[in-house]
Amino acid sequence: DLGLEQGIIVKSLGNGKLARYTDIREGFIITKVNDRPVKSVKEFNELIRSKKTGELVILSGTYKNTRQNEFNYAFRK
């Protein structure tokens, strides 16, 4: 148990911007998008859709088996 109250797990990256422009790995638990808490995939999708093309998106979260509390991955939509 990670003691998280929110978050969604990255199950697959495909060939999108996350795979191309960040070091994010499958299994990453996204807890925030631009400091806004994420509790569901629907909420995550809404936050991403609200960003304009070229706008900076910062995904914050953690991995299950790591000692570091938070990782941040940034990319432009």
Protein backbone atom coordinates (compact mmCIF):
# COMPACT_ATOMS: atom_id res chain seq x y z
CA ASP A 1 0.00 0.00 0.00
CA LEU A 2 1.44 3.33 -1.08
CA GLY A 3 -0.96 5.40 1.01
CA LEU A 4 -2.26 7.21 -2.07
CA GLU A 5 -5.72 8.72 -2.08
CA GLN A 6 -5.82 9.30 -5.83
CA GLY A 7 -4.08 8.32 -9.02
CA ILE A 8 -4.27 6.30 -12.20
CA ILE A 9 -1.74 3.71 -13.37
CA VAL A 10 -0.04 3.94 -16.77
CA LYS A 11 -0.59 0.47 -18.23
CA SER A 12 0.68 1.07 -21.76
CA LEU A 13 2.55 3.93 -23.42
CA GLY A 14 2.21 3.22 -27.13
CA ASN A 15 4.02 5.65 -29.45
CA GLY A 16 2.60 8.92 -28.13
CA LYS A 17 4.25 12.00 -26.70
CA LEU A 18 4.86 10.42 -23.30
CA ALA A 19 6.91 7.64 -24.85
CA ARG A 20 8.75 9.99 -27.22
CA TYR A 21 9.46 12.98 -24.97
CA THR A 22 9.65 11.66 -21.40
CA ASP A 23 11.30 8.85 -19.45
CA ILE A 24 7.95 7.73 -18.02
CA ARG A 25 7.59 3.96 -17.66
CA GLU A 26 4.62 1.63 -17.52
CA GLY A 27 3.43 1.25 -13.95
CA PHE A 28 3.78 4.97 -13.20
CA ILE A 29 0.95 6.17 -10.97
CA ILE A 30 -0.19 9.63 -12.11
CA THR A 31 -1.49 11.55 -9.10
CA LYS A 32 -1.56 15.08 -10.53
CA VAL A 33 -1.71 16.95 -13.84
CA ASN A 34 -0.25 20.46 -13.48
CA ASP A 35 -0.76 20.22 -9.67
CA ARG A 36 -4.44 19.23 -10.02
CA PRO A 37 -5.29 15.89 -8.34
CA VAL A 38 -6.36 13.04 -10.60
CA LYS A 39 -8.75 10.39 -9.29
CA SER A 40 -9.96 8.74 -12.51
CA VAL A 41 -9.08 8.22 -16.16
CA LYS A 42 -12.05 10.42 -17.09
CA GLU A 43 -10.69 13.25 -14.93
CA PHE A 44 -7.20 12.78 -16.42
CA ASN A 45 -8.58 12.94 -19.98
CA GLU A 46 -10.57 16.10 -19.19
CA LEU A 47 -7.49 17.82 -17.76
CA ILE A 48 -5.38 16.90 -20.80
CA ARG A 49 -8.11 17.94 -23.25
CA SER A 50 -8.37 21.34 -21.55
CA LYS A 51 -4.77 22.14 -22.51
CA LYS A 52 -4.07 23.98 -25.73
CA THR A 53 -1.65 22.70 -28.36
CA GLY A 54 1.90 23.59 -27.31
CA GLU A 55 0.92 24.17 -23.66
CA LEU A 56 3.15 22.59 -21.00
CA VAL A 57 1.73 19.55 -19.21
CA ILE A 58 3.40 18.25 -16.04
CA LEU A 59 2.46 14.80 -14.80
CA SER A 60 3.33 14.13 -11.16
CA GLY A 61 3.24 10.77 -9.46
CA THR A 62 5.20 7.79 -8.24
CA TYR A 63 6.20 4.21 -8.95
CA LYS A 64 5.18 1.33 -6.71
CA ASN A 65 8.66 0.11 -5.80
CA THR A 66 10.66 3.29 -5.37
CA ARG A 67 12.00 5.27 -2.46
CA GLN A 68 11.63 8.60 -4.21
CA ASN A 69 8.28 10.14 -3.30
CA GLU A 70 7.45 12.06 -6.45
CA PHE A 71 8.51 12.11 -10.07
CA ASN A 72 7.54 14.81 -12.56
CA TYR A 73 7.36 14.36 -16.32
CA ALA A 74 6.79 17.35 -18.60
CA PHE A 75 5.82 17.54 -22.24
CA ARG A 76 4.02 19.94 -24.56
CA LYS A 77 0.57 19.02 -25.81
